[in-house]
Protein backbone atom coordinates (compact mmCIF):
# COMPACT_ATOMS: atom_id res chain seq x y z
CA MET A 1 5.79 292.90 5.84
CA LEU A 2 7.13 290.93 8.91
CA ASN A 3 10.33 291.68 10.60
CA ALA A 4 11.26 287.96 10.97
CA GLN A 5 15.13 286.28 10.36
CA PRO A 6 15.31 284.07 7.59
CA TYR A 7 15.27 280.92 8.57
CA PRO A 8 17.91 278.68 8.32
CA PRO A 9 20.30 281.79 7.38
CA THR A 10 20.55 282.76 3.35
CA ALA A 11 24.24 282.90 2.79
CA PRO A 12 24.88 281.58 -1.01
CA VAL A 13 26.28 278.38 -0.96
CA VAL A 14 28.93 278.04 -3.78
CA SER A 15 29.23 274.72 -6.41
CA THR A 16 29.81 273.42 -9.07
CA MET A 17 27.65 272.43 -12.38
CA THR A 18 29.29 268.97 -12.54
CA GLN A 19 26.29 267.49 -15.44
CA THR A 20 24.53 268.75 -17.99
CA TYR A 21 21.56 266.67 -19.33
CA SER A 22 19.92 267.53 -22.69
CA PHE A 23 16.68 265.07 -23.66
CA ARG A 24 13.78 265.84 -25.55
CA LEU A 25 10.03 264.41 -24.14
CA ARG A 26 8.06 263.56 -26.80
CA PRO A 27 4.13 263.84 -28.14
CA GLY A 28 1.40 262.75 -25.09
CA GLN A 29 4.24 262.53 -22.42
CA ASP A 30 3.57 264.59 -19.55
CA LEU A 31 5.85 267.06 -18.28
CA LYS A 32 6.22 267.12 -14.75
CA LYS A 33 6.22 263.63 -14.10
CA GLU A 34 8.88 262.89 -16.67
CA LEU A 35 11.00 265.48 -14.57
CA ASP A 36 10.29 263.31 -11.71
CA THR A 37 11.18 260.46 -13.01
CA PHE A 38 14.40 261.74 -14.47
CA VAL A 39 15.42 263.61 -10.88
CA HIS A 40 15.07 259.66 -9.61
CA GLN A 41 16.56 257.52 -11.77
CA GLU A 42 19.58 259.80 -12.28
CA ARG A 43 18.86 260.68 -7.85
CA VAL A 44 19.33 264.18 -8.88
CA GLU A 45 19.66 266.28 -5.22
CA ALA A 46 20.86 269.07 -6.56
CA GLY A 47 19.70 270.16 -9.74
CA ALA A 48 18.09 273.17 -11.96
CA VAL A 49 16.31 273.25 -15.37
CA LEU A 50 18.62 275.76 -17.52
CA THR A 51 16.05 275.67 -20.91
CA CYS A 52 13.32 274.24 -21.88
CA VAL A 53 11.43 274.86 -25.33
CA GLY A 54 8.02 273.26 -26.68
CA SER A 55 4.83 273.47 -27.08
CA LEU A 56 1.78 271.28 -24.20
CA THR A 57 -1.79 270.84 -25.10
CA ASP A 58 -2.37 270.69 -21.50
CA VAL A 59 -1.58 272.53 -19.15
CA SER A 60 -2.51 271.95 -15.43
CA LEU A 61 -0.43 274.99 -13.04
CA ARG A 62 -1.17 275.78 -9.14
CA LEU A 63 -1.52 279.24 -9.64
CA ALA A 64 -0.34 282.02 -6.53
CA ASN A 65 -1.62 281.29 -3.14
CA GLN A 66 -4.48 279.11 -4.46
CA THR A 67 -4.24 275.24 -2.83
CA GLU A 68 -5.66 273.40 -5.87
CA SER A 69 -4.13 273.51 -10.07
CA SER A 70 -6.16 274.75 -12.30
CA LEU A 71 -6.08 273.11 -15.63
CA TRP A 72 -6.28 274.57 -19.55
CA ARG A 73 -6.76 273.17 -23.10
CA GLY A 74 -5.94 274.08 -26.10
CA HIS A 75 -2.19 274.92 -27.83
CA PHE A 76 0.27 276.52 -25.71
CA GLU A 77 3.74 277.34 -26.44
CA ILE A 78 6.43 277.18 -23.50
CA VAL A 79 7.90 280.60 -22.73
CA SER A 80 9.91 279.03 -20.10
CA LEU A 81 10.52 276.46 -17.65
CA VAL A 82 12.82 277.60 -14.52
CA GLY A 83 13.11 275.98 -11.17
CA THR A 84 14.93 273.28 -8.45
CA LEU A 85 15.85 269.82 -8.83
CA SER A 86 15.66 267.25 -6.18
CA THR A 87 15.02 263.68 -5.01
CA ASN A 88 14.30 265.79 -1.95
CA GLY A 89 11.45 267.87 -3.77
CA SER A 90 11.93 270.02 -6.83
CA HIS A 91 10.12 273.24 -7.33
CA ILE A 92 8.93 274.22 -10.64
CA HIS A 93 7.41 276.39 -12.53
CA LEU A 94 5.96 277.23 -15.54
CA LEU A 95 5.37 280.10 -17.94
CA VAL A 96 2.84 279.36 -21.29
CA SER A 97 1.81 281.29 -23.94
CA ASP A 98 -1.32 281.42 -26.26
CA SER A 99 -2.15 281.57 -29.82
CA THR A 100 -2.28 285.35 -29.09
CA GLY A 101 0.26 285.86 -26.86
CA ARG A 102 -1.65 285.85 -23.28
CA THR A 103 0.86 284.60 -21.54
CA LEU A 104 -0.01 282.46 -18.19
CA GLY A 105 2.25 280.63 -15.85
CA GLY A 106 2.51 279.38 -12.29
CA HIS A 107 3.70 276.22 -10.10
CA LEU A 108 4.35 272.91 -12.62
CA MET A 109 1.68 270.15 -11.58
CA GLU A 110 1.24 266.78 -13.68
CA GLY A 111 -1.52 267.11 -16.66
CA CYS A 112 0.69 269.59 -19.28
CA LYS A 113 0.61 267.17 -21.99
CA ILE A 114 2.70 267.87 -24.11
CA TYR A 115 2.29 268.90 -28.27
CA THR A 116 4.87 268.69 -30.58
CA THR A 117 7.88 267.99 -27.71
CA ALA A 118 9.26 269.74 -24.64
CA GLU A 119 13.52 270.16 -25.35
CA LEU A 120 15.44 270.16 -22.11
CA VAL A 121 19.06 271.19 -20.48
CA ILE A 122 19.26 270.53 -17.17
CA ALA A 123 22.35 271.33 -14.77
CA VAL A 124 23.39 269.28 -11.86
CA MET A 125 25.39 269.86 -8.67
CA THR A 126 27.20 266.89 -7.44
CA ASP A 127 28.67 268.85 -4.40
CA ILE A 128 25.51 269.96 -3.06
CA THR A 129 22.03 268.91 -2.35
CA TYR A 130 19.06 270.81 -1.99
CA ALA A 131 16.10 269.64 0.97
CA ARG A 132 13.15 271.07 1.97
CA GLU A 133 12.37 272.06 5.54
CA VAL A 134 9.55 273.79 6.85
CA ASP A 135 10.02 277.92 7.58
CA PRO A 136 8.40 278.62 10.75
CA VAL A 137 7.43 282.86 10.09
CA PHE A 138 5.22 280.55 6.99
CA GLY A 139 4.96 277.46 7.17
CA TYR A 140 5.99 276.12 4.00
CA ARG A 141 8.46 273.90 3.10
CA GLU A 142 11.16 276.11 1.76
CA LEU A 143 14.38 275.62 0.27
CA VAL A 144 17.97 274.50 2.49
CA VAL A 145 21.32 274.14 0.79
CA ARG A 146 23.81 271.87 1.71
CA LYS A 147 27.44 271.23 0.79
CA LYS A 148 27.77 267.41 0.23
CA ARG A 149 30.58 266.03 3.68
CA ARG A 150 33.52 265.26 1.81
CA LYS A 151 33.83 261.18 2.19
C-alpha cells in the first residue's frame, strides 16, 4: 500500500443535480459512441449515469489492469452501467450477463452494439465541472471536481 497523499485533495464537492435526461438507444447503435455524442451535444461538464437497462449483441470492454479492449459476441443483458460523464473525459463501467447469468464487466469501450434497446437516465450537475488530470502517484488521468465560478 502506498503512503501517498491524494492529489488533489479528495474532499467532497457539494453540487445540485439540476437536469436529467431520459432517452432510448435503438438496435445497432454503439453505446459508447452515443453517450459521447450526447455529452458533447449537450455540453455536459459534469454528469452521471443514473440507470441503464437494455441488451447488447457485441460487448467491448477494457478489463482491469489491461491496456487493450476485448470483444465478446452473443446476446447480453445490461445489468449495470455506471460512471461520470464530461466533455473533459468520461469514465464509464459496464456490467453484462449472458443467457446463463454469468457476468462480465469492465471499462466501456466503443463496439458495444445495442440488440433491442438501451434505456438511459443521465443526471447533469450544472454548478460543477469534471476534469481529468494526471495523478502523480499512479500516472493515470483521474477525476478532479471543481465548483464553477459564478458569473
